[in-house]
């Protein structure tokens, strides 16, 4: 479970699917590497709260998704300020995630599924656009 508790927003397990390239599920590997994978797996399943500011924890590793001030995505064993994101539905109905501490930095993937440096990503870029999928749903 997440270390952020919010009484009105239950924790839900879901996948974060990025539309860049041919499409990737965001995953956090046991060594803290963040990247994209075509097929969902335990490392691409997340627990999160449905609120404007949220923390994302990989179900398969227990690591929190984090974004450093340098723009690097990584998995963190502890919940820090780098792990807090703002979730926003864009006009095209895709969801973007920006750092709470550094609002101009977005979670993003490259066309090949690598973590993209957040300093090179903007909310209008497809690399930052995610679809939320509940686990167990197509």
Foldseek 3Di string as FASTA:
>chain_A
DDPDDDPVWAKAKWWWWFPAAVIFTWFQDQVFFIWTDDDDDQRRIWIWTPDQKIWTARRNRRFTWFADPQQDTTTHNDDDQRRIWGWDQDPVRFIWTARPVGRQFTFFHHNVTHTDRRVPDGPVDSRRTIDIGGPPGD
